[in-house]
N, C-alpha and C. Protein backbone atom coordinates (compact mmCIF):
# COMPACT_ATOMS: atom_id res chain seq x y z
N MET A 1 86.19 23.80 -25.27
CA MET A 1 84.97 23.25 -24.63
C MET A 1 83.78 23.61 -25.49
N SER A 2 83.06 22.58 -25.84
CA SER A 2 81.90 22.82 -26.73
C SER A 2 80.60 22.73 -25.95
N LEU A 3 79.63 23.49 -26.33
CA LEU A 3 78.31 23.49 -25.67
C LEU A 3 77.32 22.74 -26.53
N THR A 4 76.52 21.88 -25.87
CA THR A 4 75.49 21.10 -26.61
C THR A 4 74.12 21.66 -26.28
N THR A 5 73.42 22.05 -27.30
CA THR A 5 72.08 22.63 -27.09
C THR A 5 71.02 21.59 -27.42
N THR A 6 70.12 21.33 -26.43
CA THR A 6 69.05 20.34 -26.63
C THR A 6 67.78 21.05 -27.04
N VAL A 7 67.25 20.68 -28.13
CA VAL A 7 66.01 21.30 -28.62
C VAL A 7 64.83 20.49 -28.12
N PRO A 8 63.93 21.09 -27.34
CA PRO A 8 62.80 20.31 -26.81
C PRO A 8 61.89 19.81 -27.92
N ALA A 9 61.41 18.58 -27.71
CA ALA A 9 60.50 17.99 -28.71
C ALA A 9 59.17 18.70 -28.66
N PRO A 10 58.56 18.86 -29.79
CA PRO A 10 57.25 19.55 -29.81
C PRO A 10 56.19 18.77 -29.03
N ALA A 11 55.39 19.50 -28.25
CA ALA A 11 54.33 18.84 -27.45
C ALA A 11 53.29 18.22 -28.36
N PRO A 12 52.81 17.01 -28.00
CA PRO A 12 51.80 16.37 -28.86
C PRO A 12 50.51 17.19 -28.87
N ARG A 13 49.92 17.31 -30.01
CA ARG A 13 48.68 18.07 -30.16
C ARG A 13 47.49 17.13 -29.99
N LEU A 14 46.51 17.62 -29.21
CA LEU A 14 45.30 16.82 -29.01
C LEU A 14 44.47 16.83 -30.28
N LYS A 15 44.01 15.63 -30.64
CA LYS A 15 43.18 15.53 -31.83
C LYS A 15 41.75 15.89 -31.51
N LYS A 16 41.15 16.56 -32.39
CA LYS A 16 39.71 16.87 -32.25
C LYS A 16 38.91 15.57 -32.36
N PRO A 17 38.05 15.28 -31.34
CA PRO A 17 37.30 14.01 -31.38
C PRO A 17 36.47 13.91 -32.65
N SER A 18 36.44 12.74 -33.16
CA SER A 18 35.67 12.48 -34.38
C SER A 18 34.38 11.74 -34.04
N TRP A 19 33.30 12.04 -34.76
CA TRP A 19 32.03 11.33 -34.53
C TRP A 19 32.15 9.86 -34.86
N LYS A 20 33.20 9.52 -35.58
CA LYS A 20 33.38 8.11 -35.92
C LYS A 20 34.16 7.35 -34.86
N ASP A 21 34.61 8.06 -33.83
CA ASP A 21 35.36 7.41 -32.75
C ASP A 21 34.41 6.51 -31.96
N PRO A 22 34.62 5.18 -31.92
CA PRO A 22 33.69 4.27 -31.21
C PRO A 22 33.59 4.56 -29.72
N ARG A 23 34.67 5.07 -29.12
CA ARG A 23 34.61 5.37 -27.69
C ARG A 23 33.65 6.53 -27.41
N LEU A 24 33.64 7.52 -28.29
CA LEU A 24 32.73 8.65 -28.13
C LEU A 24 31.28 8.20 -28.32
N LEU A 25 31.05 7.36 -29.31
CA LEU A 25 29.69 6.87 -29.55
C LEU A 25 29.19 6.03 -28.37
N LEU A 26 30.08 5.20 -27.81
CA LEU A 26 29.70 4.37 -26.66
C LEU A 26 29.35 5.24 -25.46
N GLY A 27 30.12 6.31 -25.24
CA GLY A 27 29.83 7.21 -24.12
C GLY A 27 28.48 7.89 -24.26
N ILE A 28 28.18 8.31 -25.51
CA ILE A 28 26.90 8.97 -25.75
C ILE A 28 25.74 8.01 -25.49
N LEU A 29 25.90 6.75 -25.95
CA LEU A 29 24.84 5.76 -25.74
C LEU A 29 24.62 5.48 -24.26
N LEU A 30 25.69 5.42 -23.48
CA LEU A 30 25.56 5.18 -22.04
C LEU A 30 24.82 6.32 -21.36
N VAL A 31 25.14 7.55 -21.74
CA VAL A 31 24.47 8.71 -21.16
C VAL A 31 22.99 8.71 -21.51
N LEU A 32 22.66 8.42 -22.77
CA LEU A 32 21.27 8.41 -23.20
C LEU A 32 20.46 7.33 -22.51
N SER A 33 21.05 6.13 -22.38
CA SER A 33 20.32 5.04 -21.72
C SER A 33 20.11 5.32 -20.25
N SER A 34 21.11 5.91 -19.61
CA SER A 34 20.97 6.26 -18.19
C SER A 34 19.87 7.30 -18.00
N THR A 35 19.84 8.30 -18.88
CA THR A 35 18.82 9.35 -18.78
C THR A 35 17.42 8.77 -19.01
N ALA A 36 17.30 7.89 -19.99
CA ALA A 36 16.01 7.27 -20.27
C ALA A 36 15.52 6.44 -19.09
N GLY A 37 16.47 5.75 -18.42
CA GLY A 37 16.09 4.94 -17.25
C GLY A 37 15.58 5.80 -16.12
N VAL A 38 16.24 6.92 -15.87
CA VAL A 38 15.80 7.83 -14.80
C VAL A 38 14.43 8.41 -15.12
N VAL A 39 14.21 8.81 -16.37
CA VAL A 39 12.91 9.36 -16.77
C VAL A 39 11.81 8.33 -16.60
N ALA A 40 12.09 7.07 -17.00
CA ALA A 40 11.09 6.02 -16.86
C ALA A 40 10.78 5.74 -15.40
N LEU A 41 11.82 5.76 -14.55
CA LEU A 41 11.61 5.50 -13.13
C LEU A 41 10.76 6.58 -12.49
N VAL A 42 11.08 7.84 -12.80
CA VAL A 42 10.30 8.95 -12.25
C VAL A 42 8.87 8.90 -12.75
N GLY A 43 8.70 8.57 -14.04
CA GLY A 43 7.35 8.49 -14.60
C GLY A 43 6.52 7.41 -13.95
N SER A 44 7.14 6.25 -13.70
CA SER A 44 6.38 5.15 -13.07
C SER A 44 6.04 5.48 -11.63
N ALA A 45 6.93 6.23 -10.94
CA ALA A 45 6.64 6.58 -9.54
C ALA A 45 5.47 7.53 -9.44
N ASP A 46 5.29 8.38 -10.46
CA ASP A 46 4.20 9.35 -10.44
C ASP A 46 2.90 8.78 -10.99
N GLN A 47 2.94 7.58 -11.54
CA GLN A 47 1.75 7.01 -12.16
C GLN A 47 0.80 6.47 -11.11
N THR A 48 -0.46 6.81 -11.20
CA THR A 48 -1.48 6.30 -10.27
C THR A 48 -2.39 5.34 -10.99
N THR A 49 -2.93 4.39 -10.22
CA THR A 49 -3.86 3.41 -10.74
C THR A 49 -5.09 3.40 -9.86
N GLU A 50 -6.26 3.33 -10.44
CA GLU A 50 -7.49 3.22 -9.65
C GLU A 50 -7.72 1.77 -9.27
N VAL A 51 -7.73 1.51 -7.97
CA VAL A 51 -7.98 0.16 -7.47
C VAL A 51 -9.17 0.20 -6.53
N LEU A 52 -9.66 -0.98 -6.16
CA LEU A 52 -10.84 -1.08 -5.32
C LEU A 52 -10.47 -1.15 -3.85
N VAL A 53 -11.30 -0.52 -3.01
CA VAL A 53 -11.19 -0.64 -1.56
C VAL A 53 -12.55 -1.05 -1.01
N ALA A 54 -12.53 -1.77 0.10
CA ALA A 54 -13.78 -2.23 0.70
C ALA A 54 -14.53 -1.05 1.32
N ASP A 55 -15.84 -1.00 1.08
CA ASP A 55 -16.68 0.06 1.64
C ASP A 55 -17.17 -0.29 3.05
N ARG A 56 -17.00 -1.54 3.45
CA ARG A 56 -17.46 -2.01 4.76
C ARG A 56 -16.65 -3.24 5.13
N ASN A 57 -16.80 -3.71 6.36
CA ASN A 57 -16.18 -4.97 6.75
C ASN A 57 -16.92 -6.13 6.08
N ILE A 58 -16.17 -6.99 5.40
CA ILE A 58 -16.77 -8.08 4.65
C ILE A 58 -16.18 -9.40 5.14
N PRO A 59 -16.98 -10.25 5.80
CA PRO A 59 -16.47 -11.53 6.29
C PRO A 59 -16.16 -12.50 5.15
N VAL A 60 -15.36 -13.49 5.45
CA VAL A 60 -15.02 -14.53 4.47
C VAL A 60 -16.28 -15.27 4.06
N GLY A 61 -16.40 -15.54 2.77
CA GLY A 61 -17.53 -16.28 2.24
C GLY A 61 -18.71 -15.42 1.85
N THR A 62 -18.64 -14.12 2.12
CA THR A 62 -19.75 -13.22 1.78
C THR A 62 -19.76 -12.94 0.28
N PRO A 63 -20.90 -13.13 -0.39
CA PRO A 63 -20.98 -12.74 -1.81
C PRO A 63 -20.78 -11.24 -1.95
N VAL A 64 -20.05 -10.84 -2.95
CA VAL A 64 -19.74 -9.42 -3.14
C VAL A 64 -20.08 -8.99 -4.57
N SER A 65 -20.31 -7.68 -4.70
CA SER A 65 -20.57 -7.07 -6.01
C SER A 65 -19.89 -5.71 -6.03
N ALA A 66 -20.03 -5.01 -7.14
CA ALA A 66 -19.37 -3.71 -7.29
C ALA A 66 -19.82 -2.71 -6.23
N GLY A 67 -21.05 -2.82 -5.74
CA GLY A 67 -21.56 -1.89 -4.74
C GLY A 67 -20.89 -2.00 -3.38
N ASP A 68 -20.10 -3.06 -3.15
CA ASP A 68 -19.41 -3.23 -1.87
C ASP A 68 -18.06 -2.54 -1.85
N PHE A 69 -17.68 -1.90 -2.96
CA PHE A 69 -16.34 -1.33 -3.06
C PHE A 69 -16.39 0.08 -3.64
N ALA A 70 -15.31 0.80 -3.40
CA ALA A 70 -15.12 2.13 -3.98
C ALA A 70 -13.79 2.13 -4.72
N ALA A 71 -13.65 3.05 -5.69
CA ALA A 71 -12.42 3.16 -6.46
C ALA A 71 -11.60 4.34 -5.95
N VAL A 72 -10.31 4.12 -5.73
CA VAL A 72 -9.41 5.18 -5.27
C VAL A 72 -8.12 5.14 -6.09
N PRO A 73 -7.57 6.31 -6.42
CA PRO A 73 -6.29 6.33 -7.14
C PRO A 73 -5.12 6.21 -6.15
N VAL A 74 -4.22 5.29 -6.43
CA VAL A 74 -3.05 5.07 -5.55
C VAL A 74 -1.83 4.83 -6.41
N ARG A 75 -0.65 5.06 -5.82
CA ARG A 75 0.62 4.74 -6.46
C ARG A 75 1.11 3.42 -5.90
N LEU A 76 1.14 2.39 -6.72
CA LEU A 76 1.53 1.06 -6.26
C LEU A 76 2.86 0.60 -6.83
N GLY A 77 3.31 1.23 -7.90
CA GLY A 77 4.59 0.86 -8.48
C GLY A 77 4.61 -0.58 -8.96
N GLU A 78 5.64 -1.32 -8.57
CA GLU A 78 5.84 -2.68 -9.06
C GLU A 78 4.81 -3.67 -8.54
N VAL A 79 4.10 -3.35 -7.45
CA VAL A 79 3.13 -4.30 -6.88
C VAL A 79 1.72 -4.05 -7.40
N SER A 80 1.57 -3.18 -8.38
CA SER A 80 0.22 -2.85 -8.86
C SER A 80 -0.51 -4.07 -9.39
N GLY A 81 0.23 -5.04 -9.92
CA GLY A 81 -0.42 -6.23 -10.46
C GLY A 81 -1.06 -7.12 -9.41
N SER A 82 -0.73 -6.92 -8.14
CA SER A 82 -1.29 -7.74 -7.07
C SER A 82 -2.68 -7.28 -6.64
N TYR A 83 -3.07 -6.08 -7.06
CA TYR A 83 -4.34 -5.52 -6.61
C TYR A 83 -5.34 -5.45 -7.77
N LEU A 84 -6.61 -5.36 -7.41
CA LEU A 84 -7.68 -5.43 -8.39
C LEU A 84 -7.99 -4.04 -8.94
N PRO A 85 -7.69 -3.79 -10.24
CA PRO A 85 -8.01 -2.49 -10.82
C PRO A 85 -9.52 -2.26 -10.86
N ALA A 86 -9.92 -1.03 -10.62
CA ALA A 86 -11.35 -0.71 -10.63
C ALA A 86 -11.95 -0.96 -12.01
N ALA A 87 -11.14 -0.78 -13.06
CA ALA A 87 -11.65 -0.95 -14.42
C ALA A 87 -12.02 -2.40 -14.71
N ASP A 88 -11.44 -3.36 -13.98
CA ASP A 88 -11.74 -4.78 -14.22
C ASP A 88 -13.10 -5.19 -13.67
N GLY A 89 -13.61 -4.44 -12.68
CA GLY A 89 -14.89 -4.80 -12.08
C GLY A 89 -14.78 -6.05 -11.21
N ILE A 90 -15.94 -6.51 -10.72
CA ILE A 90 -16.00 -7.70 -9.86
C ILE A 90 -16.58 -8.86 -10.67
N PRO A 91 -15.85 -9.97 -10.79
CA PRO A 91 -16.39 -11.10 -11.54
C PRO A 91 -17.69 -11.63 -10.91
N ASP A 92 -18.60 -12.11 -11.75
CA ASP A 92 -19.86 -12.66 -11.26
C ASP A 92 -19.59 -13.86 -10.35
N GLY A 93 -20.39 -13.98 -9.30
CA GLY A 93 -20.26 -15.10 -8.38
C GLY A 93 -19.10 -15.00 -7.42
N SER A 94 -18.51 -13.82 -7.27
CA SER A 94 -17.36 -13.68 -6.38
C SER A 94 -17.79 -13.65 -4.91
N VAL A 95 -16.94 -14.20 -4.06
CA VAL A 95 -17.11 -14.11 -2.61
C VAL A 95 -15.78 -13.67 -2.02
N ALA A 96 -15.83 -13.15 -0.81
CA ALA A 96 -14.60 -12.76 -0.11
C ALA A 96 -13.88 -14.02 0.34
N SER A 97 -12.65 -14.20 -0.09
CA SER A 97 -11.88 -15.37 0.32
C SER A 97 -10.98 -15.07 1.52
N SER A 98 -10.96 -13.82 1.96
CA SER A 98 -10.29 -13.44 3.20
C SER A 98 -11.06 -12.26 3.79
N LEU A 99 -10.83 -12.00 5.06
CA LEU A 99 -11.54 -10.91 5.72
C LEU A 99 -11.11 -9.58 5.12
N LEU A 100 -12.10 -8.79 4.66
CA LEU A 100 -11.83 -7.47 4.11
C LEU A 100 -12.33 -6.42 5.08
N ARG A 101 -11.43 -5.57 5.55
CA ARG A 101 -11.82 -4.49 6.46
C ARG A 101 -12.09 -3.21 5.68
N LYS A 102 -12.98 -2.41 6.20
CA LYS A 102 -13.36 -1.17 5.54
C LYS A 102 -12.12 -0.31 5.27
N GLY A 103 -11.99 0.16 4.03
CA GLY A 103 -10.87 1.01 3.67
C GLY A 103 -9.64 0.28 3.17
N GLU A 104 -9.64 -1.07 3.24
CA GLU A 104 -8.49 -1.84 2.78
C GLU A 104 -8.50 -2.00 1.26
N LEU A 105 -7.31 -1.95 0.66
CA LEU A 105 -7.20 -2.24 -0.77
C LEU A 105 -7.52 -3.72 -1.00
N VAL A 106 -8.16 -3.99 -2.12
CA VAL A 106 -8.57 -5.36 -2.43
C VAL A 106 -7.53 -6.01 -3.34
N ALA A 107 -6.85 -7.02 -2.81
CA ALA A 107 -5.91 -7.79 -3.62
C ALA A 107 -6.67 -8.80 -4.47
N ARG A 108 -6.05 -9.23 -5.55
CA ARG A 108 -6.70 -10.23 -6.40
C ARG A 108 -7.00 -11.51 -5.61
N SER A 109 -6.12 -11.86 -4.68
CA SER A 109 -6.30 -13.09 -3.90
C SER A 109 -7.40 -12.97 -2.86
N ASP A 110 -7.93 -11.76 -2.64
CA ASP A 110 -8.99 -11.57 -1.64
C ASP A 110 -10.36 -12.01 -2.14
N LEU A 111 -10.49 -12.25 -3.44
CA LEU A 111 -11.76 -12.66 -4.01
C LEU A 111 -11.62 -14.04 -4.63
N GLY A 112 -12.69 -14.81 -4.51
CA GLY A 112 -12.69 -16.15 -5.10
C GLY A 112 -14.12 -16.58 -5.34
N THR A 113 -14.32 -17.88 -5.39
CA THR A 113 -15.66 -18.44 -5.55
C THR A 113 -15.99 -19.30 -4.33
N ALA A 114 -17.28 -19.50 -4.11
CA ALA A 114 -17.71 -20.24 -2.92
C ALA A 114 -17.15 -21.66 -2.89
N ASP A 115 -17.13 -22.32 -4.05
CA ASP A 115 -16.64 -23.70 -4.06
C ASP A 115 -15.12 -23.78 -3.99
N GLY A 116 -14.45 -22.63 -4.10
CA GLY A 116 -12.99 -22.63 -4.01
C GLY A 116 -12.46 -22.30 -2.63
N LEU A 117 -13.34 -22.02 -1.68
CA LEU A 117 -12.89 -21.69 -0.33
C LEU A 117 -12.36 -22.94 0.37
N ASP A 118 -11.20 -22.82 0.99
CA ASP A 118 -10.66 -23.95 1.75
C ASP A 118 -11.10 -23.92 3.21
N ARG A 119 -11.77 -22.84 3.62
CA ARG A 119 -12.33 -22.74 4.97
C ARG A 119 -13.77 -22.26 4.86
N LYS A 120 -14.64 -22.86 5.66
CA LYS A 120 -16.06 -22.51 5.62
C LYS A 120 -16.45 -21.83 6.94
N PRO A 121 -17.28 -20.77 6.88
CA PRO A 121 -17.73 -20.13 8.12
C PRO A 121 -18.80 -20.96 8.82
N VAL A 122 -18.60 -21.21 10.11
CA VAL A 122 -19.55 -21.97 10.93
C VAL A 122 -19.95 -21.10 12.12
N GLY A 123 -21.25 -21.00 12.38
CA GLY A 123 -21.74 -20.19 13.47
C GLY A 123 -21.65 -20.90 14.81
N LEU A 124 -21.17 -20.20 15.83
CA LEU A 124 -21.09 -20.73 17.19
C LEU A 124 -21.71 -19.72 18.15
N ARG A 125 -22.44 -20.24 19.14
CA ARG A 125 -22.99 -19.40 20.20
C ARG A 125 -22.16 -19.60 21.46
N VAL A 126 -21.61 -18.51 21.97
CA VAL A 126 -20.72 -18.57 23.14
C VAL A 126 -21.35 -17.79 24.27
N ASP A 127 -21.58 -18.48 25.41
CA ASP A 127 -22.21 -17.82 26.55
C ASP A 127 -21.19 -17.06 27.41
N ASP A 128 -19.96 -17.54 27.46
CA ASP A 128 -18.94 -16.87 28.27
C ASP A 128 -18.46 -15.60 27.56
N LEU A 129 -18.16 -14.58 28.36
CA LEU A 129 -17.68 -13.32 27.81
C LEU A 129 -16.30 -13.50 27.18
N LEU A 130 -16.11 -12.88 26.05
CA LEU A 130 -14.81 -12.88 25.41
C LEU A 130 -14.03 -11.64 25.84
N PRO A 131 -12.70 -11.73 25.88
CA PRO A 131 -11.91 -10.56 26.28
C PRO A 131 -12.15 -9.38 25.34
N SER A 132 -12.05 -8.18 25.88
CA SER A 132 -12.20 -6.99 25.05
C SER A 132 -11.11 -6.98 23.99
N GLY A 133 -11.45 -6.52 22.83
CA GLY A 133 -10.50 -6.52 21.73
C GLY A 133 -10.66 -7.70 20.81
N THR A 134 -11.43 -8.73 21.25
CA THR A 134 -11.70 -9.85 20.36
C THR A 134 -12.62 -9.38 19.24
N GLN A 135 -12.24 -9.62 18.01
CA GLN A 135 -12.98 -9.08 16.87
C GLN A 135 -12.76 -9.98 15.66
N ALA A 136 -13.40 -9.59 14.56
CA ALA A 136 -13.17 -10.30 13.31
C ALA A 136 -11.69 -10.26 12.97
N GLY A 137 -11.15 -11.42 12.63
CA GLY A 137 -9.72 -11.54 12.37
C GLY A 137 -8.94 -12.12 13.53
N SER A 138 -9.52 -12.10 14.75
CA SER A 138 -8.85 -12.69 15.91
C SER A 138 -8.81 -14.21 15.77
N ARG A 139 -7.81 -14.82 16.40
CA ARG A 139 -7.66 -16.27 16.38
C ARG A 139 -8.08 -16.84 17.74
N VAL A 140 -8.80 -17.96 17.68
CA VAL A 140 -9.30 -18.58 18.91
C VAL A 140 -9.15 -20.09 18.83
N ASP A 141 -9.02 -20.71 20.01
CA ASP A 141 -9.13 -22.17 20.14
C ASP A 141 -10.56 -22.49 20.54
N VAL A 142 -11.12 -23.52 19.96
CA VAL A 142 -12.50 -23.92 20.25
C VAL A 142 -12.48 -25.23 21.02
N TRP A 143 -13.12 -25.23 22.20
CA TRP A 143 -13.22 -26.41 23.06
C TRP A 143 -14.67 -26.85 23.13
N VAL A 144 -14.89 -28.16 23.18
CA VAL A 144 -16.26 -28.68 23.31
C VAL A 144 -16.29 -29.69 24.46
N ALA A 145 -17.41 -29.70 25.17
CA ALA A 145 -17.65 -30.68 26.23
C ALA A 145 -18.98 -31.37 25.93
N LEU A 146 -18.93 -32.65 25.64
CA LEU A 146 -20.14 -33.40 25.29
C LEU A 146 -20.94 -33.73 26.55
N PRO A 147 -22.26 -33.86 26.44
CA PRO A 147 -23.08 -34.24 27.60
C PRO A 147 -22.69 -35.63 28.11
N ASP A 148 -22.80 -35.83 29.43
CA ASP A 148 -22.55 -37.16 29.99
C ASP A 148 -23.88 -37.79 30.39
N GLU A 149 -23.81 -38.93 31.06
CA GLU A 149 -25.02 -39.68 31.42
C GLU A 149 -25.68 -39.13 32.68
N ARG A 150 -25.11 -38.14 33.31
CA ARG A 150 -25.64 -37.62 34.57
C ARG A 150 -26.13 -36.18 34.40
N ASN A 151 -26.55 -35.85 33.20
CA ASN A 151 -27.03 -34.50 32.89
C ASN A 151 -25.96 -33.43 33.10
N GLY A 152 -24.73 -33.85 33.02
CA GLY A 152 -23.62 -32.90 33.10
C GLY A 152 -22.84 -32.93 31.79
N PHE A 153 -21.59 -32.60 31.89
CA PHE A 153 -20.76 -32.58 30.68
C PHE A 153 -19.43 -33.29 30.95
N LYS A 154 -18.93 -33.92 29.93
CA LYS A 154 -17.65 -34.60 30.02
C LYS A 154 -16.51 -33.57 30.01
N GLU A 155 -15.30 -34.07 30.18
CA GLU A 155 -14.14 -33.18 30.18
C GLU A 155 -14.01 -32.51 28.82
N PRO A 156 -13.77 -31.19 28.80
CA PRO A 156 -13.65 -30.47 27.52
C PRO A 156 -12.46 -30.98 26.69
N GLN A 157 -12.65 -30.96 25.39
CA GLN A 157 -11.59 -31.34 24.46
C GLN A 157 -11.42 -30.22 23.43
N LYS A 158 -10.17 -29.91 23.14
CA LYS A 158 -9.93 -28.88 22.12
C LYS A 158 -10.16 -29.48 20.74
N ILE A 159 -11.03 -28.83 19.97
CA ILE A 159 -11.38 -29.37 18.67
C ILE A 159 -10.84 -28.52 17.52
N LEU A 160 -10.58 -27.23 17.78
CA LEU A 160 -9.99 -26.35 16.77
C LEU A 160 -8.89 -25.52 17.41
N THR A 161 -7.80 -25.35 16.68
CA THR A 161 -6.69 -24.53 17.16
C THR A 161 -6.49 -23.34 16.24
N ALA A 162 -6.44 -22.16 16.83
CA ALA A 162 -6.18 -20.91 16.08
C ALA A 162 -7.13 -20.73 14.91
N ALA A 163 -8.42 -20.98 15.14
CA ALA A 163 -9.42 -20.72 14.11
C ALA A 163 -9.66 -19.22 14.02
N GLU A 164 -9.86 -18.73 12.82
CA GLU A 164 -10.05 -17.29 12.62
C GLU A 164 -11.52 -16.92 12.73
N ILE A 165 -11.80 -15.88 13.50
CA ILE A 165 -13.16 -15.34 13.58
C ILE A 165 -13.40 -14.47 12.36
N SER A 166 -14.47 -14.77 11.61
CA SER A 166 -14.78 -13.94 10.45
C SER A 166 -15.86 -12.91 10.75
N GLU A 167 -16.65 -13.16 11.79
CA GLU A 167 -17.71 -12.21 12.16
C GLU A 167 -18.08 -12.43 13.62
N LEU A 168 -18.45 -11.35 14.30
CA LEU A 168 -18.76 -11.44 15.73
C LEU A 168 -19.91 -10.50 16.05
N THR A 169 -20.92 -11.01 16.77
CA THR A 169 -22.08 -10.21 17.17
C THR A 169 -22.42 -10.53 18.61
N VAL A 170 -22.60 -9.50 19.42
CA VAL A 170 -22.98 -9.67 20.82
C VAL A 170 -24.48 -9.46 20.94
N ASP A 171 -25.19 -10.47 21.50
CA ASP A 171 -26.62 -10.39 21.73
C ASP A 171 -26.88 -10.16 23.21
N GLU A 172 -27.75 -9.20 23.52
CA GLU A 172 -28.12 -8.93 24.90
C GLU A 172 -29.63 -8.94 25.02
N SER A 173 -30.12 -9.43 26.18
CA SER A 173 -31.56 -9.40 26.42
C SER A 173 -32.01 -7.98 26.69
N VAL A 174 -33.31 -7.78 26.72
CA VAL A 174 -33.86 -6.44 26.94
C VAL A 174 -33.40 -5.88 28.27
N LEU A 175 -33.36 -6.72 29.30
CA LEU A 175 -32.97 -6.28 30.64
C LEU A 175 -31.46 -6.33 30.84
N GLY A 176 -30.75 -6.88 29.87
CA GLY A 176 -29.29 -6.94 30.00
C GLY A 176 -28.82 -8.03 30.92
N ALA A 177 -29.74 -8.93 31.35
CA ALA A 177 -29.35 -9.99 32.27
C ALA A 177 -28.65 -11.13 31.54
N ASN A 178 -29.10 -11.45 30.35
CA ASN A 178 -28.51 -12.53 29.58
C ASN A 178 -27.73 -11.96 28.42
N ARG A 179 -26.57 -12.49 28.23
CA ARG A 179 -25.71 -11.99 27.17
C ARG A 179 -24.99 -13.17 26.54
N SER A 180 -24.97 -13.22 25.23
CA SER A 180 -24.25 -14.26 24.52
C SER A 180 -23.58 -13.64 23.30
N THR A 181 -22.63 -14.35 22.77
CA THR A 181 -21.90 -13.88 21.60
C THR A 181 -22.07 -14.87 20.46
N GLN A 182 -22.48 -14.36 19.33
CA GLN A 182 -22.57 -15.19 18.14
C GLN A 182 -21.34 -14.91 17.29
N ILE A 183 -20.60 -15.95 16.95
CA ILE A 183 -19.41 -15.76 16.13
C ILE A 183 -19.45 -16.74 14.95
N LEU A 184 -18.81 -16.32 13.89
CA LEU A 184 -18.54 -17.20 12.76
C LEU A 184 -17.05 -17.49 12.77
N VAL A 185 -16.70 -18.77 12.83
CA VAL A 185 -15.30 -19.17 12.75
C VAL A 185 -15.07 -19.89 11.44
N LEU A 186 -13.89 -19.72 10.88
CA LEU A 186 -13.54 -20.36 9.62
C LEU A 186 -12.93 -21.73 9.90
N VAL A 187 -13.56 -22.75 9.33
CA VAL A 187 -13.20 -24.13 9.63
C VAL A 187 -12.80 -24.84 8.34
N GLU A 188 -11.67 -25.53 8.38
CA GLU A 188 -11.24 -26.32 7.23
C GLU A 188 -12.15 -27.54 7.08
N ASP A 189 -12.26 -28.02 5.84
CA ASP A 189 -13.19 -29.11 5.55
C ASP A 189 -12.95 -30.33 6.43
N GLY A 190 -11.69 -30.64 6.71
CA GLY A 190 -11.39 -31.82 7.52
C GLY A 190 -11.86 -31.72 8.96
N ASP A 191 -12.05 -30.50 9.47
CA ASP A 191 -12.49 -30.30 10.85
C ASP A 191 -13.99 -30.13 10.99
N LEU A 192 -14.68 -30.00 9.87
CA LEU A 192 -16.13 -29.75 9.93
C LEU A 192 -16.91 -30.88 10.59
N PRO A 193 -16.69 -32.17 10.25
CA PRO A 193 -17.51 -33.23 10.85
C PRO A 193 -17.48 -33.23 12.37
N GLY A 194 -16.29 -33.09 12.96
CA GLY A 194 -16.19 -33.12 14.41
C GLY A 194 -16.93 -31.97 15.07
N LEU A 195 -16.79 -30.76 14.52
CA LEU A 195 -17.46 -29.61 15.11
C LEU A 195 -18.97 -29.70 14.95
N LEU A 196 -19.43 -30.06 13.76
CA LEU A 196 -20.87 -30.16 13.52
C LEU A 196 -21.49 -31.26 14.35
N SER A 197 -20.77 -32.36 14.54
CA SER A 197 -21.28 -33.45 15.39
C SER A 197 -21.41 -33.00 16.84
N ALA A 198 -20.43 -32.25 17.32
CA ALA A 198 -20.49 -31.74 18.70
C ALA A 198 -21.69 -30.82 18.87
N GLN A 199 -21.94 -29.97 17.90
CA GLN A 199 -23.08 -29.06 17.98
C GLN A 199 -24.40 -29.82 17.99
N SER A 200 -24.52 -30.81 17.13
CA SER A 200 -25.79 -31.55 17.03
C SER A 200 -26.04 -32.42 18.25
N ASN A 201 -25.00 -32.73 19.03
CA ASN A 201 -25.16 -33.54 20.23
C ASN A 201 -25.24 -32.70 21.50
N GLY A 202 -25.47 -31.40 21.33
CA GLY A 202 -25.68 -30.54 22.49
C GLY A 202 -24.45 -30.25 23.31
N ALA A 203 -23.29 -30.26 22.69
CA ALA A 203 -22.05 -29.99 23.43
C ALA A 203 -22.01 -28.54 23.89
N ARG A 204 -21.36 -28.35 25.04
CA ARG A 204 -21.10 -26.99 25.50
C ARG A 204 -19.82 -26.52 24.81
N ILE A 205 -19.89 -25.34 24.23
CA ILE A 205 -18.77 -24.84 23.42
C ILE A 205 -18.14 -23.64 24.12
N ALA A 206 -16.84 -23.66 24.21
CA ALA A 206 -16.09 -22.54 24.78
C ALA A 206 -15.03 -22.09 23.78
N VAL A 207 -14.80 -20.79 23.76
CA VAL A 207 -13.84 -20.20 22.83
C VAL A 207 -12.77 -19.49 23.66
N VAL A 208 -11.51 -19.80 23.38
CA VAL A 208 -10.40 -19.22 24.12
C VAL A 208 -9.50 -18.48 23.13
N PRO A 209 -9.28 -17.17 23.33
CA PRO A 209 -8.39 -16.42 22.41
C PRO A 209 -7.00 -17.03 22.33
N ASN A 210 -6.46 -17.04 21.13
CA ASN A 210 -5.12 -17.58 20.90
C ASN A 210 -4.30 -16.53 20.15
N PRO A 211 -3.93 -15.43 20.84
CA PRO A 211 -3.24 -14.34 20.15
C PRO A 211 -1.83 -14.69 19.71
N GLY A 212 -1.25 -15.73 20.29
CA GLY A 212 0.13 -16.08 19.96
C GLY A 212 0.26 -17.11 18.88
N SER A 213 -0.83 -17.35 18.11
CA SER A 213 -0.78 -18.38 17.09
C SER A 213 0.17 -18.02 15.97
N GLY A 214 0.29 -16.69 15.70
CA GLY A 214 1.19 -16.24 14.66
C GLY A 214 0.75 -16.57 13.26
N THR A 215 -0.55 -16.87 13.06
CA THR A 215 -1.06 -17.22 11.73
C THR A 215 -2.07 -16.19 11.30
């Protein structure tokens, strides 16, 4: 009986990685690019930009200058281009193209020129009390009742729907007996003739809040 002895094969030796190995170079490049991306992201998150904020409430159509705003440093990240940097200043002839409330950041779209406004502010005098909370920015329906032949008024007709109030002032007499509200509503060019005609013909004007307009 003969015995057979099996000699184990030598274990493969690991090769020392070479700098010329393309897989090693690719791994190093991936690590470096990932690290650079993280550093850039953290750096951009910490970067602040000085932008303008309104120093007071500014109605639509109001001419504005640098004195109406203050500069504040903020972190805006990817949306920084949507806001007006303080270093750019205010272009000559600018007006507020939307209602600016005190302390709000000024977007580039918030400023324009008077001839570029698609809505014009029109003053209305309202004798009826408006609900508490009605303010600049609120939406209202405007109704008018034209005079009739009997020194009365015809049936009211709605002439504006969800018009935005740009400014509101309450006037009271010395004794407090008479009270009226002066408001500026923003009116599109196509609606101006009807409203101005109603005013010039002595129409009675009523304003009804429209909080559900969603605009």
